[in-house]
Amino acid sequence: MRVYVPLTLPGLAEAHKTGELGTGPFVAYAVTPALREWYLSDDIEELEYAALNRAALASLRLLAADPGAVRRRVVVAVDVPDGAAAADPDRGLDPAALGEVRVTGTVALAKAASVHIDSGDAEEAVAAAAGALQAADGGDDDAQFVVDGAEDHELLWYATQEIPNLVGLGG
């Protein structure tokens, strides 16, 4: 199963240093039955893109909690055994939990398929979105507009061999 792990650049640097994305259980995003039902699509590429975007939003939440991190969303795509990731059936169609899975066990960074990171020109929009996230969660429409503005920036695709250069972006 392909899962999308939300990180920050310092989180990616730590994963690069330790060789592990996490020691489980940790939250990632994947094409779950609830995500399929919500997006009403059978196109696996569209569904994986939706899961990637859910992970990007989770990365934004990590950035909001870490004011010192470079304002770029980071998502690592990794394949895990099917039994290693499961959706919480109690969260069902909760929009906040769409695509969310819990990954058990240790996941080696070497298993990553790709890394997705904002370009430098997204930093201003991502910084504004991270700052507006709490107000958006509280129902502020103007703040939600700012958060949605970060989604206007596509995450760039990087091969895993580029991770050593990418962790340098956070320093």
N, C-alpha and C. Protein backbone atom coordinates (compact mmCIF):
# COMPACT_ATOMS: atom_id res chain seq x y z
N MET A 1 0.85 -1.17 0.00
CA MET A 1 0.00 0.00 0.00
C MET A 1 0.90 1.24 0.00
N ARG A 2 0.59 2.17 -0.87
CA ARG A 2 1.32 3.44 -0.91
C ARG A 2 0.71 4.37 0.13
N VAL A 3 1.56 4.90 1.00
CA VAL A 3 1.12 5.88 1.98
C VAL A 3 1.94 7.15 1.80
N TYR A 4 1.35 8.24 2.23
CA TYR A 4 1.97 9.56 2.12
C TYR A 4 2.18 10.09 3.53
N VAL A 5 3.44 10.28 3.89
CA VAL A 5 3.82 10.66 5.24
C VAL A 5 4.09 12.16 5.29
N PRO A 6 3.32 12.91 6.09
CA PRO A 6 3.57 14.35 6.20
C PRO A 6 4.78 14.62 7.10
N LEU A 7 5.64 15.52 6.65
CA LEU A 7 6.81 15.91 7.41
C LEU A 7 7.05 17.41 7.24
N THR A 8 8.12 17.88 7.84
CA THR A 8 8.69 19.20 7.60
C THR A 8 10.12 18.96 7.15
N LEU A 9 10.81 20.00 6.72
CA LEU A 9 12.21 19.79 6.34
C LEU A 9 13.05 19.29 7.51
N PRO A 10 12.88 19.84 8.75
CA PRO A 10 13.62 19.25 9.88
C PRO A 10 13.24 17.78 10.12
N GLY A 11 11.98 17.43 9.89
CA GLY A 11 11.55 16.03 10.02
C GLY A 11 12.20 15.15 8.98
N LEU A 12 12.32 15.67 7.76
CA LEU A 12 13.00 14.91 6.70
C LEU A 12 14.48 14.75 7.03
N ALA A 13 15.09 15.80 7.57
CA ALA A 13 16.50 15.71 7.97
C ALA A 13 16.70 14.65 9.05
N GLU A 14 15.76 14.59 9.99
CA GLU A 14 15.84 13.58 11.06
C GLU A 14 15.67 12.18 10.48
N ALA A 15 14.73 12.02 9.56
CA ALA A 15 14.53 10.72 8.92
C ALA A 15 15.78 10.31 8.13
N HIS A 16 16.40 11.28 7.49
CA HIS A 16 17.63 11.00 6.73
C HIS A 16 18.75 10.56 7.68
N LYS A 17 18.83 11.21 8.82
CA LYS A 17 19.87 10.89 9.82
C LYS A 17 19.66 9.50 10.43
N THR A 18 18.40 9.18 10.77
CA THR A 18 18.11 7.91 11.44
C THR A 18 17.84 6.78 10.47
N GLY A 19 17.48 7.12 9.22
CA GLY A 19 17.14 6.11 8.23
C GLY A 19 15.71 5.60 8.37
N GLU A 20 14.92 6.26 9.24
CA GLU A 20 13.54 5.81 9.49
C GLU A 20 12.55 6.96 9.37
N LEU A 21 11.41 6.67 8.76
CA LEU A 21 10.34 7.65 8.69
C LEU A 21 9.54 7.70 9.98
N GLY A 22 9.52 6.61 10.67
CA GLY A 22 8.79 6.54 11.93
C GLY A 22 8.89 5.16 12.51
N THR A 23 8.60 5.08 13.79
CA THR A 23 8.67 3.78 14.46
C THR A 23 7.29 3.30 14.87
N GLY A 24 6.28 3.91 14.34
CA GLY A 24 4.90 3.49 14.52
C GLY A 24 4.43 3.45 15.95
N PRO A 25 3.15 3.58 16.17
CA PRO A 25 2.24 3.97 15.09
C PRO A 25 2.35 5.46 14.80
N PHE A 26 2.25 5.81 13.53
CA PHE A 26 2.25 7.22 13.13
C PHE A 26 1.22 7.42 12.03
N VAL A 27 0.82 8.68 11.86
CA VAL A 27 -0.23 9.02 10.90
C VAL A 27 0.37 9.24 9.52
N ALA A 28 -0.28 8.68 8.54
CA ALA A 28 0.03 8.91 7.13
C ALA A 28 -1.31 8.98 6.41
N TYR A 29 -1.26 9.12 5.09
CA TYR A 29 -2.48 9.22 4.29
C TYR A 29 -2.38 8.25 3.13
N ALA A 30 -3.52 7.69 2.76
CA ALA A 30 -3.55 6.69 1.69
C ALA A 30 -4.94 6.70 1.05
N VAL A 31 -5.08 5.91 0.00
CA VAL A 31 -6.38 5.75 -0.64
C VAL A 31 -7.16 4.74 0.20
N THR A 32 -8.04 5.27 1.03
CA THR A 32 -8.87 4.46 1.93
C THR A 32 -10.28 4.35 1.34
N PRO A 33 -11.09 3.42 1.84
CA PRO A 33 -12.48 3.35 1.38
C PRO A 33 -13.23 4.67 1.57
N ALA A 34 -13.00 5.34 2.69
CA ALA A 34 -13.68 6.61 2.93
C ALA A 34 -13.24 7.67 1.92
N LEU A 35 -11.95 7.69 1.59
CA LEU A 35 -11.46 8.65 0.59
C LEU A 35 -12.07 8.36 -0.77
N ARG A 36 -12.17 7.08 -1.12
CA ARG A 36 -12.80 6.70 -2.40
C ARG A 36 -14.25 7.17 -2.45
N GLU A 37 -14.96 6.97 -1.35
CA GLU A 37 -16.37 7.34 -1.30
C GLU A 37 -16.54 8.86 -1.36
N TRP A 38 -15.67 9.57 -0.68
CA TRP A 38 -15.77 11.02 -0.62
C TRP A 38 -15.51 11.65 -1.99
N TYR A 39 -14.46 11.13 -2.70
CA TYR A 39 -14.07 11.73 -3.98
C TYR A 39 -14.82 11.15 -5.17
N LEU A 40 -15.57 10.10 -4.95
CA LEU A 40 -16.39 9.51 -6.00
C LEU A 40 -15.62 9.31 -7.30
N SER A 41 -14.45 8.70 -7.18
CA SER A 41 -13.63 8.47 -8.36
C SER A 41 -13.07 7.06 -8.31
N ASP A 42 -12.94 6.46 -9.49
CA ASP A 42 -12.29 5.16 -9.60
C ASP A 42 -10.89 5.30 -10.18
N ASP A 43 -10.49 6.53 -10.51
CA ASP A 43 -9.18 6.78 -11.08
C ASP A 43 -8.14 6.78 -9.96
N ILE A 44 -7.29 5.76 -9.92
CA ILE A 44 -6.34 5.61 -8.83
C ILE A 44 -5.37 6.79 -8.76
N GLU A 45 -5.01 7.35 -9.90
CA GLU A 45 -4.10 8.51 -9.88
C GLU A 45 -4.75 9.71 -9.22
N GLU A 46 -6.03 9.94 -9.50
CA GLU A 46 -6.75 11.04 -8.85
C GLU A 46 -6.85 10.80 -7.35
N LEU A 47 -7.13 9.57 -6.97
CA LEU A 47 -7.26 9.24 -5.55
C LEU A 47 -5.92 9.38 -4.82
N GLU A 48 -4.84 8.94 -5.46
CA GLU A 48 -3.52 9.09 -4.83
C GLU A 48 -3.15 10.57 -4.71
N TYR A 49 -3.52 11.36 -5.71
CA TYR A 49 -3.28 12.79 -5.65
C TYR A 49 -4.07 13.41 -4.48
N ALA A 50 -5.29 12.96 -4.28
CA ALA A 50 -6.10 13.43 -3.15
C ALA A 50 -5.44 13.05 -1.82
N ALA A 51 -4.92 11.83 -1.71
CA ALA A 51 -4.24 11.40 -0.49
C ALA A 51 -2.97 12.24 -0.27
N LEU A 52 -2.24 12.51 -1.34
CA LEU A 52 -1.05 13.37 -1.25
C LEU A 52 -1.44 14.75 -0.74
N ASN A 53 -2.52 15.30 -1.23
CA ASN A 53 -2.96 16.62 -0.78
C ASN A 53 -3.41 16.61 0.68
N ARG A 54 -4.01 15.51 1.11
CA ARG A 54 -4.38 15.39 2.54
C ARG A 54 -3.11 15.39 3.40
N ALA A 55 -2.07 14.71 2.92
CA ALA A 55 -0.79 14.69 3.65
C ALA A 55 -0.14 16.08 3.63
N ALA A 56 -0.30 16.81 2.54
CA ALA A 56 0.25 18.17 2.46
C ALA A 56 -0.42 19.08 3.49
N LEU A 57 -1.72 18.91 3.69
CA LEU A 57 -2.42 19.69 4.72
C LEU A 57 -1.91 19.30 6.11
N ALA A 58 -1.67 18.02 6.32
CA ALA A 58 -1.11 17.58 7.60
C ALA A 58 0.30 18.14 7.81
N SER A 59 1.08 18.25 6.73
CA SER A 59 2.40 18.86 6.81
C SER A 59 2.27 20.33 7.20
N LEU A 60 1.26 21.00 6.66
CA LEU A 60 1.01 22.40 7.02
C LEU A 60 0.73 22.51 8.52
N ARG A 61 -0.01 21.55 9.06
CA ARG A 61 -0.28 21.55 10.51
C ARG A 61 1.00 21.37 11.31
N LEU A 62 1.90 20.52 10.81
CA LEU A 62 3.20 20.35 11.47
C LEU A 62 3.99 21.66 11.44
N LEU A 63 3.92 22.36 10.32
CA LEU A 63 4.61 23.65 10.21
C LEU A 63 4.03 24.67 11.18
N ALA A 64 2.72 24.68 11.33
CA ALA A 64 2.07 25.61 12.26
C ALA A 64 2.55 25.37 13.69
N ALA A 65 2.87 24.13 14.01
CA ALA A 65 3.34 23.78 15.35
C ALA A 65 4.85 23.98 15.52
N ASP A 66 5.57 24.26 14.44
CA ASP A 66 7.02 24.42 14.49
C ASP A 66 7.40 25.72 13.79
N PRO A 67 7.31 26.86 14.51
CA PRO A 67 7.55 28.14 13.87
C PRO A 67 8.97 28.31 13.31
N GLY A 68 9.92 27.51 13.77
CA GLY A 68 11.29 27.63 13.28
C GLY A 68 11.57 26.89 11.99
N ALA A 69 10.64 26.05 11.55
CA ALA A 69 10.87 25.24 10.35
C ALA A 69 10.69 26.09 9.10
N VAL A 70 11.49 25.80 8.08
CA VAL A 70 11.34 26.45 6.78
C VAL A 70 9.92 26.18 6.29
N ARG A 71 9.28 27.21 5.76
CA ARG A 71 7.88 27.14 5.39
C ARG A 71 7.68 26.45 4.05
N ARG A 72 7.97 25.15 4.03
CA ARG A 72 7.72 24.32 2.86
C ARG A 72 7.09 23.02 3.35
N ARG A 73 5.98 22.64 2.73
CA ARG A 73 5.34 21.38 3.07
C ARG A 73 6.17 20.24 2.48
N VAL A 74 6.24 19.14 3.22
CA VAL A 74 7.02 17.98 2.81
C VAL A 74 6.16 16.73 2.97
N VAL A 75 6.14 15.90 1.93
CA VAL A 75 5.41 14.63 1.99
C VAL A 75 6.31 13.56 1.37
N VAL A 76 6.45 12.44 2.08
CA VAL A 76 7.23 11.31 1.56
C VAL A 76 6.26 10.20 1.19
N ALA A 77 6.36 9.73 -0.06
CA ALA A 77 5.54 8.61 -0.52
C ALA A 77 6.34 7.33 -0.29
N VAL A 78 5.72 6.37 0.38
CA VAL A 78 6.41 5.13 0.70
C VAL A 78 5.44 3.96 0.58
N ASP A 79 5.95 2.84 0.13
CA ASP A 79 5.14 1.63 0.05
C ASP A 79 5.36 0.80 1.30
N VAL A 80 4.27 0.42 1.94
CA VAL A 80 4.33 -0.42 3.14
C VAL A 80 3.49 -1.67 2.89
N PRO A 81 3.76 -2.76 3.61
CA PRO A 81 2.90 -3.94 3.46
C PRO A 81 1.45 -3.59 3.80
N ASP A 82 0.50 -4.22 3.10
CA ASP A 82 -0.92 -3.91 3.29
C ASP A 82 -1.35 -3.93 4.76
N GLY A 83 -0.88 -4.87 5.53
CA GLY A 83 -1.29 -4.96 6.92
C GLY A 83 -0.65 -3.93 7.83
N ALA A 84 0.32 -3.16 7.32
CA ALA A 84 1.05 -2.20 8.14
C ALA A 84 0.33 -0.86 8.28
N ALA A 85 -0.71 -0.62 7.49
CA ALA A 85 -1.44 0.64 7.55
C ALA A 85 -2.93 0.36 7.56
N ALA A 86 -3.63 1.03 8.46
CA ALA A 86 -5.08 0.81 8.55
C ALA A 86 -5.79 2.11 8.91
N ALA A 87 -6.95 2.30 8.33
CA ALA A 87 -7.80 3.45 8.65
C ALA A 87 -8.54 3.16 9.94
N ASP A 88 -8.87 4.19 10.68
CA ASP A 88 -9.63 4.06 11.92
C ASP A 88 -11.11 4.03 11.55
N PRO A 89 -11.78 2.88 11.70
CA PRO A 89 -13.19 2.79 11.30
C PRO A 89 -14.10 3.71 12.11
N ASP A 90 -13.69 4.12 13.30
CA ASP A 90 -14.51 5.00 14.12
C ASP A 90 -14.55 6.43 13.58
N ARG A 91 -13.57 6.78 12.74
CA ARG A 91 -13.53 8.14 12.20
C ARG A 91 -14.35 8.24 10.92
N GLY A 92 -14.65 7.09 10.31
CA GLY A 92 -15.55 7.02 9.17
C GLY A 92 -15.36 8.12 8.15
N LEU A 93 -16.43 8.84 7.88
CA LEU A 93 -16.40 9.90 6.87
C LEU A 93 -16.12 11.28 7.47
N ASP A 94 -15.52 11.33 8.66
CA ASP A 94 -15.12 12.60 9.24
C ASP A 94 -14.20 13.30 8.24
N PRO A 95 -14.61 14.46 7.69
CA PRO A 95 -13.79 15.12 6.67
C PRO A 95 -12.35 15.36 7.12
N ALA A 96 -12.14 15.57 8.40
CA ALA A 96 -10.78 15.82 8.89
C ALA A 96 -9.91 14.57 8.82
N ALA A 97 -10.54 13.39 8.73
CA ALA A 97 -9.78 12.13 8.77
C ALA A 97 -9.75 11.42 7.42
N LEU A 98 -10.26 12.05 6.37
CA LEU A 98 -10.28 11.39 5.06
C LEU A 98 -8.88 10.97 4.63
N GLY A 99 -8.72 9.70 4.32
CA GLY A 99 -7.45 9.18 3.86
C GLY A 99 -6.45 8.90 4.97
N GLU A 100 -6.79 9.23 6.19
CA GLU A 100 -5.86 9.04 7.31
C GLU A 100 -5.73 7.56 7.65
N VAL A 101 -4.48 7.13 7.82
CA VAL A 101 -4.19 5.78 8.26
C VAL A 101 -3.15 5.83 9.37
N ARG A 102 -3.12 4.77 10.16
CA ARG A 102 -2.08 4.60 11.17
C ARG A 102 -1.14 3.53 10.65
N VAL A 103 0.13 3.87 10.62
CA VAL A 103 1.15 2.94 10.17
C VAL A 103 1.82 2.35 11.40
N THR A 104 1.85 1.03 11.46
CA THR A 104 2.49 0.35 12.59
C THR A 104 3.88 -0.11 12.19
N GLY A 105 4.71 -0.29 13.16
CA GLY A 105 6.06 -0.77 12.89
C GLY A 105 6.98 0.33 12.40
N THR A 106 8.21 -0.04 12.18
CA THR A 106 9.22 0.89 11.69
C THR A 106 9.20 0.91 10.17
N VAL A 107 9.30 2.10 9.60
CA VAL A 107 9.34 2.24 8.15
C VAL A 107 10.68 2.87 7.77
N ALA A 108 11.47 2.12 7.03
CA ALA A 108 12.77 2.61 6.61
C ALA A 108 12.62 3.66 5.53
N LEU A 109 13.40 4.74 5.64
CA LEU A 109 13.38 5.77 4.61
C LEU A 109 13.80 5.19 3.26
N ALA A 110 14.60 4.14 3.29
CA ALA A 110 15.05 3.49 2.05
C ALA A 110 13.88 2.91 1.25
N LYS A 111 12.73 2.70 1.89
CA LYS A 111 11.54 2.18 1.21
C LYS A 111 10.75 3.28 0.49
N ALA A 112 11.17 4.54 0.67
CA ALA A 112 10.45 5.66 0.06
C ALA A 112 10.51 5.57 -1.45
N ALA A 113 9.41 5.94 -2.09
CA ALA A 113 9.33 5.96 -3.55
C ALA A 113 9.68 7.34 -4.10
N SER A 114 9.29 8.39 -3.36
CA SER A 114 9.55 9.76 -3.80
C SER A 114 9.33 10.71 -2.64
N VAL A 115 9.76 11.95 -2.87
CA VAL A 115 9.58 13.02 -1.89
C VAL A 115 8.92 14.18 -2.63
N HIS A 116 7.99 14.84 -1.96
CA HIS A 116 7.26 15.96 -2.56
C HIS A 116 7.41 17.16 -1.64
N ILE A 117 7.92 18.27 -2.20
CA ILE A 117 8.21 19.47 -1.40
C ILE A 117 7.80 20.71 -2.17
N ASP A 118 7.36 21.72 -1.42
CA ASP A 118 7.06 23.01 -2.03
C ASP A 118 8.33 23.63 -2.60
N SER A 119 8.17 24.41 -3.67
CA SER A 119 9.28 25.18 -4.20
C SER A 119 9.47 26.42 -3.32
N GLY A 120 10.58 27.08 -3.49
CA GLY A 120 10.86 28.27 -2.70
C GLY A 120 9.84 29.37 -2.88
N ASP A 121 9.24 29.47 -4.07
CA ASP A 121 8.26 30.54 -4.29
C ASP A 121 6.94 30.30 -3.56
N ALA A 122 6.77 29.15 -2.94
CA ALA A 122 5.56 28.87 -2.17
C ALA A 122 5.70 29.27 -0.70
N GLU A 123 6.92 29.57 -0.27
CA GLU A 123 7.16 29.80 1.16
C GLU A 123 6.27 30.89 1.76
N GLU A 124 6.06 31.99 1.04
CA GLU A 124 5.24 33.08 1.58
C GLU A 124 3.79 32.62 1.78
N ALA A 125 3.23 31.93 0.79
CA ALA A 125 1.85 31.44 0.89
C ALA A 125 1.73 30.36 1.98
N VAL A 126 2.73 29.49 2.08
CA VAL A 126 2.70 28.44 3.10
C VAL A 126 2.83 29.05 4.49
N ALA A 127 3.70 30.06 4.64
CA ALA A 127 3.83 30.74 5.94
C ALA A 127 2.51 31.39 6.34
N ALA A 128 1.86 32.06 5.39
CA ALA A 128 0.58 32.70 5.68
C ALA A 128 -0.46 31.65 6.05
N ALA A 129 -0.48 30.53 5.33
CA ALA A 129 -1.45 29.46 5.59
C ALA A 129 -1.22 28.85 6.98
N ALA A 130 0.03 28.62 7.33
CA ALA A 130 0.33 28.06 8.65
C ALA A 130 -0.13 29.01 9.75
N GLY A 131 0.03 30.30 9.52
CA GLY A 131 -0.42 31.29 10.50
C GLY A 131 -1.93 31.41 10.60
N ALA A 132 -2.63 31.10 9.51
CA ALA A 132 -4.09 31.23 9.48
C ALA A 132 -4.82 29.95 9.85
N LEU A 133 -4.09 28.87 10.00
CA LEU A 133 -4.72 27.56 10.19
C LEU A 133 -5.65 27.50 11.39
N GLN A 134 -5.22 28.02 12.52
CA GLN A 134 -6.06 27.94 13.72
C GLN A 134 -7.37 28.70 13.53
N ALA A 135 -7.30 29.89 12.94
CA ALA A 135 -8.53 30.66 12.70
C ALA A 135 -9.42 29.94 11.68
N ALA A 136 -8.82 29.33 10.67
CA ALA A 136 -9.60 28.58 9.67
C ALA A 136 -10.31 27.41 10.33
N ASP A 137 -9.60 26.72 11.22
CA ASP A 137 -10.22 25.61 11.94
C ASP A 137 -11.40 26.08 12.79
N GLY A 138 -11.35 27.34 13.21
CA GLY A 138 -12.42 27.91 14.02
C GLY A 138 -13.59 28.44 13.19
N GLY A 139 -13.51 28.30 11.85
CA GLY A 139 -14.62 28.69 11.01
C GLY A 139 -14.46 30.03 10.31
N ASP A 140 -13.30 30.67 10.43
CA ASP A 140 -13.06 31.96 9.79
C ASP A 140 -12.87 31.75 8.29
N ASP A 141 -13.81 32.24 7.49
CA ASP A 141 -13.77 32.05 6.03
C ASP A 141 -12.56 32.73 5.39
N ASP A 142 -12.20 33.93 5.87
CA ASP A 142 -11.04 34.63 5.31
C ASP A 142 -9.77 33.84 5.58
N ALA A 143 -9.65 33.28 6.77
CA ALA A 143 -8.48 32.46 7.11
C ALA A 143 -8.47 31.20 6.27
N GLN A 144 -9.63 30.60 6.02
CA GLN A 144 -9.69 29.41 5.18
C GLN A 144 -9.23 29.72 3.76
N PHE A 145 -9.56 30.91 3.28
CA PHE A 145 -9.11 31.34 1.96
C PHE A 145 -7.57 31.39 1.91
N VAL A 146 -6.95 31.87 2.99
CA VAL A 146 -5.49 31.94 3.07
C VAL A 146 -4.91 30.52 3.09
N VAL A 147 -5.52 29.63 3.87
CA VAL A 147 -5.05 28.23 3.94
C VAL A 147 -5.18 27.59 2.56
N ASP A 148 -6.29 27.80 1.90
CA ASP A 148 -6.49 27.25 0.56
C ASP A 148 -5.47 27.79 -0.43
N GLY A 149 -4.96 28.99 -0.18
CA GLY A 149 -3.95 29.58 -1.05
C GLY A 149 -2.68 28.76 -1.13
N ALA A 150 -2.34 28.06 -0.07
CA ALA A 150 -1.15 27.19 -0.10
C ALA A 150 -1.36 26.05 -1.08
N GLU A 151 -2.60 25.59 -1.22
CA GLU A 151 -2.90 24.49 -2.13
C GLU A 151 -2.76 24.90 -3.60
N ASP A 152 -2.69 26.19 -3.85
CA ASP A 152 -2.46 26.66 -5.23
C ASP A 152 -1.05 26.32 -5.70
N HIS A 153 -0.18 26.01 -4.76
CA HIS A 153 1.21 25.66 -5.08
C HIS A 153 1.34 24.14 -5.10
N GLU A 154 1.69 23.61 -6.25
CA GLU A 154 1.88 22.17 -6.39
C GLU A 154 3.19 21.75 -5.70
N LEU A 155 3.15 20.63 -5.02
CA LEU A 155 4.38 20.09 -4.47
C LEU A 155 5.22 19.54 -5.62
N LEU A 156 6.51 19.78 -5.56
CA LEU A 156 7.42 19.28 -6.58
C LEU A 156 7.84 17.86 -6.25
N TRP A 157 8.06 17.05 -7.28
CA TRP A 157 8.45 15.65 -7.12
C TRP A 157 9.97 15.56 -7.11
N TYR A 158 10.51 14.79 -6.16
CA TYR A 158 11.94 14.54 -6.10
C TYR A 158 12.19 13.05 -5.94
N ALA A 159 13.25 12.57 -6.56
CA ALA A 159 13.67 11.18 -6.37
C ALA A 159 14.30 11.05 -4.99
N THR A 160 14.26 9.86 -4.46
CA THR A 160 14.81 9.65 -3.11
C THR A 160 16.31 9.91 -3.06
N GLN A 161 17.01 9.77 -4.19
CA GLN A 161 18.44 10.03 -4.22
C GLN A 161 18.74 11.52 -3.96
N GLU A 162 17.73 12.36 -4.09
CA GLU A 162 17.92 13.79 -3.88
C GLU A 162 17.73 14.21 -2.42
N ILE A 163 17.36 13.29 -1.55
CA ILE A 163 17.09 13.64 -0.15
C ILE A 163 18.29 14.33 0.51
N PRO A 164 19.54 13.88 0.33
CA PRO A 164 20.64 14.61 0.98
C PRO A 164 20.70 16.08 0.59
N ASN A 165 20.39 16.41 -0.65
CA ASN A 165 20.37 17.81 -1.06
C ASN A 165 19.15 18.54 -0.49
N LEU A 166 18.02 17.83 -0.39
CA LEU A 166 16.80 18.46 0.11
C LEU A 166 16.90 18.81 1.58
N VAL A 167 17.54 17.97 2.38
CA VAL A 167 17.64 18.28 3.81
C VAL A 167 18.48 19.55 4.02
N GLY A 168 19.33 19.88 3.06
CA GLY A 168 20.10 21.12 3.14
C GLY A 168 19.23 22.35 3.01
N LEU A 169 18.02 22.23 2.45
CA LEU A 169 17.12 23.36 2.31
C LEU A 169 16.62 23.86 3.67
N GLY A 170 16.63 22.97 4.66
CA GLY A 170 16.10 23.32 5.97
C GLY A 170 17.11 23.98 6.88
N GLY A 171 18.33 24.11 6.44
CA GLY A 171 19.37 24.65 7.32
C GLY A 171 19.73 26.06 7.09
